[in-house]
Each structure stands twice: as structure tokens, then as C-alpha cells.
Protein backbone atom coordinates (compact mmCIF):
# COMPACT_ATOMS: atom_id res chain seq x y z
CA MET A 1 -20.60 -60.98 -51.85
CA THR A 2 -23.13 -63.63 -52.80
CA SER A 3 -24.63 -65.71 -50.00
CA SER A 4 -23.55 -68.92 -51.74
CA ALA A 5 -19.95 -67.71 -51.82
CA VAL A 6 -20.08 -66.77 -48.13
CA GLN A 7 -21.31 -70.23 -47.21
CA ARG A 8 -18.26 -71.77 -48.86
CA ILE A 9 -15.76 -69.66 -46.94
CA ASN A 10 -14.56 -70.56 -43.46
CA CYS A 11 -12.37 -67.69 -42.26
CA ASN A 12 -9.14 -68.72 -40.53
CA LEU A 13 -6.52 -65.97 -40.25
CA ILE A 14 -3.21 -67.38 -39.07
CA ALA A 15 -0.65 -65.53 -36.96
CA PRO A 16 2.84 -65.12 -38.48
CA GLY A 17 4.39 -67.60 -36.06
CA PHE A 18 1.82 -70.31 -36.72
CA ASP A 19 3.23 -73.81 -37.21
CA ARG A 20 2.45 -74.91 -40.78
CA ALA A 21 2.71 -78.57 -39.75
CA ALA A 22 -0.11 -78.12 -37.23
CA THR A 23 -2.73 -77.61 -39.94
CA ALA A 24 -3.58 -79.19 -43.25
CA ALA A 25 -4.70 -75.84 -44.67
CA PRO A 26 -2.21 -74.27 -47.10
CA LEU A 27 -0.81 -70.90 -46.12
CA GLY A 28 0.20 -67.92 -48.22
CA ARG A 29 2.46 -65.01 -47.23
CA ILE A 30 0.59 -61.83 -48.17
CA PHE A 31 1.70 -58.25 -47.54
CA ASN A 32 -1.12 -56.21 -49.03
CA ILE A 33 -4.63 -56.45 -50.46
CA GLN A 34 -5.41 -53.45 -52.65
CA ARG A 35 -9.06 -52.90 -53.53
CA PHE A 36 -10.76 -50.95 -56.33
CA SER A 37 -7.81 -50.96 -58.72
CA LEU A 38 -8.53 -49.87 -62.29
CA ASN A 39 -5.20 -51.13 -63.58
CA ASP A 40 -3.56 -54.56 -63.68
CA GLY A 41 -6.34 -56.15 -65.69
CA GLN A 42 -9.82 -55.32 -66.91
CA GLY A 43 -12.58 -53.73 -64.81
CA ILE A 44 -12.47 -53.07 -61.08
CA ARG A 45 -9.97 -55.42 -59.49
CA THR A 46 -8.56 -56.50 -56.18
CA LEU A 47 -4.78 -56.93 -56.15
CA VAL A 48 -3.29 -59.51 -53.81
CA PHE A 49 0.41 -58.92 -53.18
CA PHE A 50 2.50 -62.00 -52.40
CA LYS A 51 5.68 -61.72 -50.37
CA GLY A 52 9.03 -62.86 -51.72
CA CYS A 53 10.92 -62.20 -54.96
CA PRO A 54 14.15 -63.73 -56.33
CA HIS A 55 15.05 -60.62 -58.33
CA THR A 56 17.03 -57.51 -57.47
CA CYS A 57 15.44 -54.80 -59.61
CA PRO A 58 16.83 -51.53 -58.17
CA TRP A 59 13.67 -49.64 -59.21
CA CYS A 60 11.27 -51.92 -57.33
CA ALA A 61 8.38 -49.88 -55.92
CA ASN A 62 7.55 -52.62 -53.39
CA PRO A 63 10.84 -53.31 -51.57
CA GLU A 64 8.84 -54.84 -48.72
CA SER A 65 8.00 -57.64 -51.16
CA MET A 66 11.58 -58.73 -51.83
CA SER A 67 12.04 -60.87 -48.73
CA GLY A 68 9.68 -63.70 -47.95
CA LYS A 69 10.06 -62.85 -44.26
CA PHE A 70 7.80 -60.48 -42.35
CA HIS A 71 9.11 -57.04 -41.35
CA LEU A 72 8.42 -55.13 -38.16
CA VAL A 73 8.84 -51.43 -38.96
CA ARG A 74 8.41 -48.17 -37.05
CA ARG A 75 6.87 -45.09 -38.67
CA LYS A 76 8.66 -42.17 -37.03
CA ALA A 77 5.89 -39.66 -37.70
CA LYS A 78 3.42 -41.73 -35.66
CA CYS A 79 5.76 -42.75 -32.86
CA LEU A 80 4.93 -41.49 -29.32
CA HIS A 81 8.32 -42.65 -28.00
CA CYS A 82 6.67 -44.80 -25.35
CA GLN A 83 8.89 -45.91 -22.46
CA PRO A 84 9.55 -48.73 -22.61
CA CYS A 85 8.59 -49.58 -26.21
CA LEU A 86 7.47 -53.17 -26.55
CA ASN A 87 8.21 -53.26 -30.30
CA ASP A 88 4.87 -54.99 -30.69
CA ALA A 89 2.58 -53.94 -33.52
CA GLN A 90 -0.51 -55.16 -31.69
CA GLU A 91 0.37 -53.25 -28.51
CA CYS A 92 1.48 -49.99 -30.16
CA PRO A 93 -1.07 -47.28 -29.17
CA SER A 94 -0.33 -44.99 -32.13
CA GLY A 95 0.05 -47.52 -34.92
CA ALA A 96 3.68 -46.53 -35.42
CA MET A 97 4.81 -50.16 -35.17
CA GLU A 98 3.61 -52.15 -38.16
CA LEU A 99 4.11 -55.79 -39.12
CA ILE A 100 4.41 -56.03 -42.90
CA GLY A 101 3.09 -59.40 -44.02
CA GLN A 102 0.81 -62.06 -42.67
CA SER A 103 0.19 -65.75 -43.20
CA MET A 104 -3.30 -66.50 -44.47
CA THR A 105 -5.24 -69.61 -45.35
CA LEU A 106 -7.06 -69.84 -48.66
CA ASP A 107 -10.38 -69.41 -46.90
CA ALA A 108 -9.26 -66.30 -45.02
CA LEU A 109 -7.93 -64.72 -48.18
CA LEU A 110 -11.02 -65.61 -50.18
CA LEU A 111 -13.20 -64.04 -47.52
CA GLN A 112 -11.35 -60.75 -48.00
CA ILE A 113 -11.44 -60.99 -51.79
CA LEU A 114 -15.15 -61.78 -51.97
CA LYS A 115 -16.09 -58.64 -50.07
CA ASP A 116 -15.81 -56.87 -53.43
CA GLU A 117 -17.45 -59.55 -55.57
CA VAL A 118 -20.31 -57.24 -56.57
CA PHE A 119 -17.80 -54.84 -58.17
CA TYR A 120 -16.16 -57.65 -60.16
CA ARG A 121 -19.56 -58.76 -61.48
CA SER A 122 -20.74 -55.27 -62.40
CA SER A 123 -17.52 -54.05 -64.04
CA GLY A 124 -16.14 -57.18 -65.66
CA GLY A 125 -13.26 -57.04 -63.21
CA GLY A 126 -11.72 -59.62 -60.96
CA VAL A 127 -8.62 -60.50 -58.99
CA THR A 128 -4.96 -60.06 -59.92
CA LEU A 129 -2.17 -61.80 -58.00
CA SER A 130 0.99 -59.70 -57.80
CA GLY A 131 4.06 -59.37 -55.64
CA GLY A 132 6.91 -59.72 -55.13
CA GLU A 133 6.85 -62.65 -57.50
CA VAL A 134 3.75 -64.79 -57.20
CA LEU A 135 5.57 -67.76 -58.77
CA MET A 136 7.52 -68.15 -55.52
CA GLN A 137 4.29 -69.32 -53.90
CA ALA A 138 3.01 -71.24 -56.91
CA GLU A 139 1.25 -74.01 -54.99
CA PHE A 140 -0.83 -71.66 -52.82
CA ALA A 141 -1.45 -69.20 -55.64
CA GLY A 142 -2.53 -71.96 -58.00
CA GLN A 143 -5.09 -73.24 -55.50
CA LEU A 144 -6.37 -69.70 -54.98
CA LEU A 145 -6.79 -69.17 -58.73
CA GLN A 146 -8.69 -72.45 -59.04
CA ARG A 147 -11.05 -71.44 -56.24
CA LEU A 148 -11.65 -68.05 -57.84
CA GLN A 149 -12.35 -69.59 -61.23
CA ALA A 150 -14.79 -72.03 -59.65
CA LEU A 151 -16.66 -68.97 -58.33
CA GLY A 152 -16.71 -67.45 -61.82
CA ILE A 153 -14.30 -64.62 -60.97
CA ASN A 154 -11.91 -63.27 -63.61
CA THR A 155 -8.28 -64.05 -62.72
CA ALA A 156 -4.90 -62.62 -63.66
CA ILE A 157 -1.32 -62.68 -62.44
CA GLU A 158 1.57 -60.24 -62.76
CA THR A 159 4.87 -62.04 -63.22
CA ALA A 160 8.37 -61.83 -64.65
CA GLY A 161 8.02 -65.48 -65.67
CA ASP A 162 11.36 -66.53 -64.19
CA ALA A 163 10.61 -69.94 -62.66
CA PRO A 164 10.49 -73.59 -63.74
CA LEU A 165 7.89 -74.10 -66.47
CA ALA A 166 5.80 -76.39 -64.27
CA SER A 167 5.29 -73.57 -61.75
CA VAL A 168 4.45 -71.07 -64.49
CA LEU A 169 1.90 -73.39 -66.09
CA ALA A 170 0.34 -74.26 -62.73
CA LEU A 171 -0.75 -70.62 -62.44
CA ALA A 172 -1.16 -69.53 -66.04
CA GLU A 173 -3.58 -72.31 -66.90
CA HIS A 174 -5.97 -70.95 -64.28
CA CYS A 175 -5.70 -67.32 -65.45
CA ASP A 176 -7.87 -65.36 -67.82
CA GLN A 177 -4.81 -63.20 -68.49
CA VAL A 178 -1.10 -63.17 -67.67
CA LEU A 179 0.50 -59.73 -67.32
CA PHE A 180 4.05 -60.65 -68.29
CA ASP A 181 6.89 -58.23 -67.51
CA LEU A 182 9.81 -58.12 -69.92
CA LYS A 183 12.71 -56.11 -68.54
CA ILE A 184 16.35 -56.15 -69.66
CA MET A 185 16.58 -58.32 -72.77
CA ASN A 186 20.36 -58.76 -72.74
CA THR A 187 21.03 -62.09 -71.04
CA ASN A 188 24.22 -61.11 -69.21
CA ALA A 189 22.90 -57.74 -68.03
CA ALA A 190 19.61 -59.26 -66.87
CA LYS A 191 21.49 -61.80 -64.75
CA ARG A 192 24.07 -59.37 -63.40
CA LEU A 193 21.75 -56.46 -62.59
CA LEU A 194 18.43 -58.14 -61.84
CA ASN A 195 19.29 -61.79 -61.10
CA ILE A 196 16.92 -62.80 -63.90
CA ASN A 197 17.40 -65.92 -66.03
CA GLN A 198 16.41 -64.27 -69.30
CA PRO A 199 16.56 -67.36 -71.56
CA ARG A 200 14.15 -69.12 -69.19
CA VAL A 201 11.86 -66.07 -69.15
CA LEU A 202 11.66 -65.99 -72.95
CA ALA A 203 11.18 -69.77 -73.19
CA ASN A 204 8.32 -69.62 -70.69
CA PHE A 205 6.67 -66.74 -72.55
CA THR A 206 6.93 -68.71 -75.78
CA MET A 207 5.41 -71.82 -74.22
CA LEU A 208 2.47 -69.87 -72.77
CA ALA A 209 1.83 -68.26 -76.15
CA GLN A 210 1.91 -71.64 -77.89
CA ARG A 211 -0.67 -72.95 -75.42
CA GLY A 212 -3.03 -70.11 -76.28
CA ILE A 213 -2.83 -68.40 -72.89
CA LYS A 214 -3.79 -64.73 -73.12
CA LEU A 215 -0.61 -62.71 -72.60
CA LEU A 216 -0.18 -58.99 -72.04
CA PRO A 217 3.50 -57.99 -72.32
CA ARG A 218 4.66 -55.07 -70.21
CA LEU A 219 7.94 -53.16 -70.18
CA PRO A 220 9.11 -50.87 -67.35
CA LEU A 221 10.86 -47.80 -68.73
CA ILE A 222 13.76 -47.26 -66.34
CA PRO A 223 16.50 -44.67 -67.06
CA GLY A 224 19.84 -46.40 -67.34
CA TYR A 225 18.30 -49.87 -67.60
CA THR A 226 15.42 -50.30 -70.07
CA LEU A 227 14.73 -46.77 -71.30
CA ASP A 228 16.61 -47.14 -74.57
CA GLN A 229 15.73 -47.94 -78.15
CA GLU A 230 18.01 -50.97 -78.39
CA ASN A 231 16.24 -52.76 -75.55
CA MET A 232 12.84 -51.79 -76.99
CA ALA A 233 13.85 -53.11 -80.41
CA GLN A 234 14.84 -56.43 -78.83
CA VAL A 235 11.51 -56.64 -77.01
CA LEU A 236 9.55 -55.95 -80.20
CA ALA A 237 11.63 -58.44 -82.21
CA PHE A 238 10.95 -61.13 -79.63
CA LEU A 239 7.21 -60.40 -79.56
CA ALA A 240 6.81 -60.20 -83.35
CA PRO A 241 5.98 -63.90 -83.99
CA PHE A 242 3.17 -64.07 -81.43
CA GLY A 243 0.62 -61.79 -83.08
CA LEU A 244 -0.15 -59.85 -79.90
CA SER A 245 -2.01 -56.57 -80.24
CA GLU A 246 -1.27 -54.70 -77.00
CA ILE A 247 1.71 -53.72 -74.88
CA HIS A 248 1.90 -51.72 -71.66
CA LEU A 249 4.80 -49.34 -71.06
CA LEU A 250 5.43 -48.57 -67.39
CA PRO A 251 7.41 -45.34 -66.88
CA PHE A 252 9.71 -45.16 -63.86
CA HIS A 253 8.39 -43.30 -60.80
CA GLN A 254 9.55 -42.57 -57.27
CA TYR A 255 6.41 -43.73 -55.42
CA GLY A 256 8.29 -46.41 -53.48
CA GLU A 257 11.18 -44.22 -52.28
CA ALA A 258 9.92 -43.75 -48.69
CA LYS A 259 9.57 -47.51 -48.23
CA TYR A 260 13.32 -48.04 -48.57
CA GLU A 261 14.05 -45.72 -45.65
CA LEU A 262 11.32 -47.39 -43.62
CA LEU A 263 12.94 -50.77 -44.20
CA GLY A 264 16.48 -49.49 -43.63
CA ARG A 265 17.45 -50.30 -47.22
CA GLU A 266 19.58 -48.25 -49.58
CA TYR A 267 17.68 -46.80 -52.53
CA THR A 268 20.18 -46.41 -55.35
CA LEU A 269 17.78 -44.60 -57.73
CA ARG A 270 16.92 -41.81 -55.30
CA ASN A 271 18.33 -39.12 -57.59
CA VAL A 272 16.99 -40.55 -60.85
CA ALA A 273 14.27 -38.41 -62.43
CA PRO A 274 11.16 -40.02 -63.97
CA PRO A 275 11.44 -40.00 -67.78
CA SER A 276 9.92 -37.10 -69.66
CA GLU A 277 7.36 -37.39 -72.44
CA GLN A 278 10.13 -36.55 -74.89
CA GLU A 279 12.21 -39.49 -73.65
CA ILE A 280 9.27 -41.92 -73.77
CA ALA A 281 7.86 -40.82 -77.14
CA PRO A 282 10.42 -42.61 -79.40
CA LEU A 283 9.85 -45.94 -77.61
CA GLN A 284 6.09 -45.51 -77.77
CA ALA A 285 6.35 -44.76 -81.49
CA MET A 286 8.45 -47.89 -82.06
CA ALA A 287 5.80 -50.06 -80.44
CA GLN A 288 3.01 -48.42 -82.41
CA GLN A 289 4.90 -48.82 -85.66
CA ALA A 290 5.27 -52.51 -84.82
CA GLY A 291 1.47 -52.75 -84.72
CA PHE A 292 0.88 -52.60 -80.97
CA ARG A 293 -1.79 -50.66 -79.15
CA VAL A 294 0.21 -48.93 -76.44
CA THR A 295 -1.08 -48.26 -72.95
CA MET A 296 1.05 -46.08 -70.72
CA GLY A 297 1.03 -47.36 -67.16
CA GLY A 298 -0.41 -50.63 -65.87
């Protein structure tokens, strides 16, 4: 971290129960800060995961992100079965009790982000805001992006683009790149299965493209949902007018399965196998034939 950047940061980490009205500083609800990522944008990046998402994607690998509320969870493998248990993450001697999520000021979050500034500078990397859905905290996220840009740090967001255009633009205009997830293209199925307003998503994508914002479309490949040639053809037909050169295909995985049990949530895709290379190959070929450079994974 540069000394000039440090001088501009006044750390102020806020407890979850802090009264927002008692301070003028904006607060963000964050559930994870992942360092040294080589995906989700160029170079070495720090990913900041925002809590809260309006969608109901059954394959979500971050189910702890769905609710904007904080979760107190108990990891059975670490539990010492203390008597009596205080159900307090700060008092738990083994770390079995964990509070997922915290409220942070811009300055506190920037202080964490800037710890890795030297890696951003040396690798051409930066910071990517993810979730959940970062658009649900557009005001805080927009201010964070502006602060990062003022420090000369590369910025990106991951989003499904399903929000009022004003919120989308408030973030996108302060991004070097928008990683834009396209999922189920059929309007009725997208609403019924994912609670996504697909016409609004496509309109927002179009507006960002017309404004010259750098877009990277991404498509999760989920058996039974998006892993089919019809959906891929609709994605490619929609993208055709924009002259984009790259698309990321994100094959389904089971990395988030254990989180559902931890949260006491049902995981409906527990018995769904990740797609094989043979299943993915036709969709990859379609994208390549449409002129896209295809990257598998984020």
C-alpha cells in the first residue's frame, strides 16, 4: 500500500448492530473479501462480496449472499459443545460460531483493499465487486468504485444487470469492465425460476453497450437450466449486434453444497453432476463459430 493511500484512509469498522443514523459515513454489508484472485477480471484481484440478492438461482454457490441479513452459523466439526453455549461468535473458543457478514464504512473497506495495492500495480489487476448482487447496494458500491478510480485502481463488477437503469449506470460508469451474467434467456422461465426480469436485463446490457462501457458477457452452464443449445443460440443472437470478442462460459460445480447445510437451506441440485467436456463442447463450438474467444470459467 502506498503511504499516500494510507494517509487518506481512516479505518472505522462498524459492528452489525450499529445505528446507521448515528453516523454520516455510508455503510456496506459485506460477507467476504477474497484476495489474490486470478479470475473475475484482469491481473491479480481482490473480490469484495456484497450481501443481498433478489434472485433465486438454485445453483448459487454463495447461498450466504442471498439474504441481506447477517447469519450466525455453527460449524459442527469445530464445536466443543460448551455448556452453556452463548451462541456468540466473539466468545466462541473454537471458532465454531461464525457471523457471516459485517457492516463496513468505505474507509474500513478501502483499508482492507489497499493492503494488496502493490499486487494490483505490478500485475495490472484491481478490485472486482461481486455478491450476491452488488446493484442492491448501488449507492455504497458506486462511492467505493469512485474512490478506487481516484486512487488509480482498476475496477470491475459482476452483475446480472437486473435493476433500474439509474442504479446500473451509477456503477458501470465507474468501472473499467462489467462482467455481465446472462442466464436463462426465455422471459417467462427466467422470471419463474430465477425471479429475473429478463427484458430489463437485456435493455440494460444494450444501454451499457451503446455508452461504450466495456462488457464481458458470461453464461453459467447449468444442467436443466442453461446447458442447452437453444439457450446458447438465444444468447449469441442477442450479443451479435454488439461486436464483442470474448465470452466466458461457467460450468456448473458443487463447490457451494456444504454452505446450504450450514445455513439450514435445502439444496435442490445436490444430485446434479457437473457437465462433462462432451456436454460443454457443442456450446463452446457455437460461441467460437459466432466469432467469440471462449474462456472456460471466470
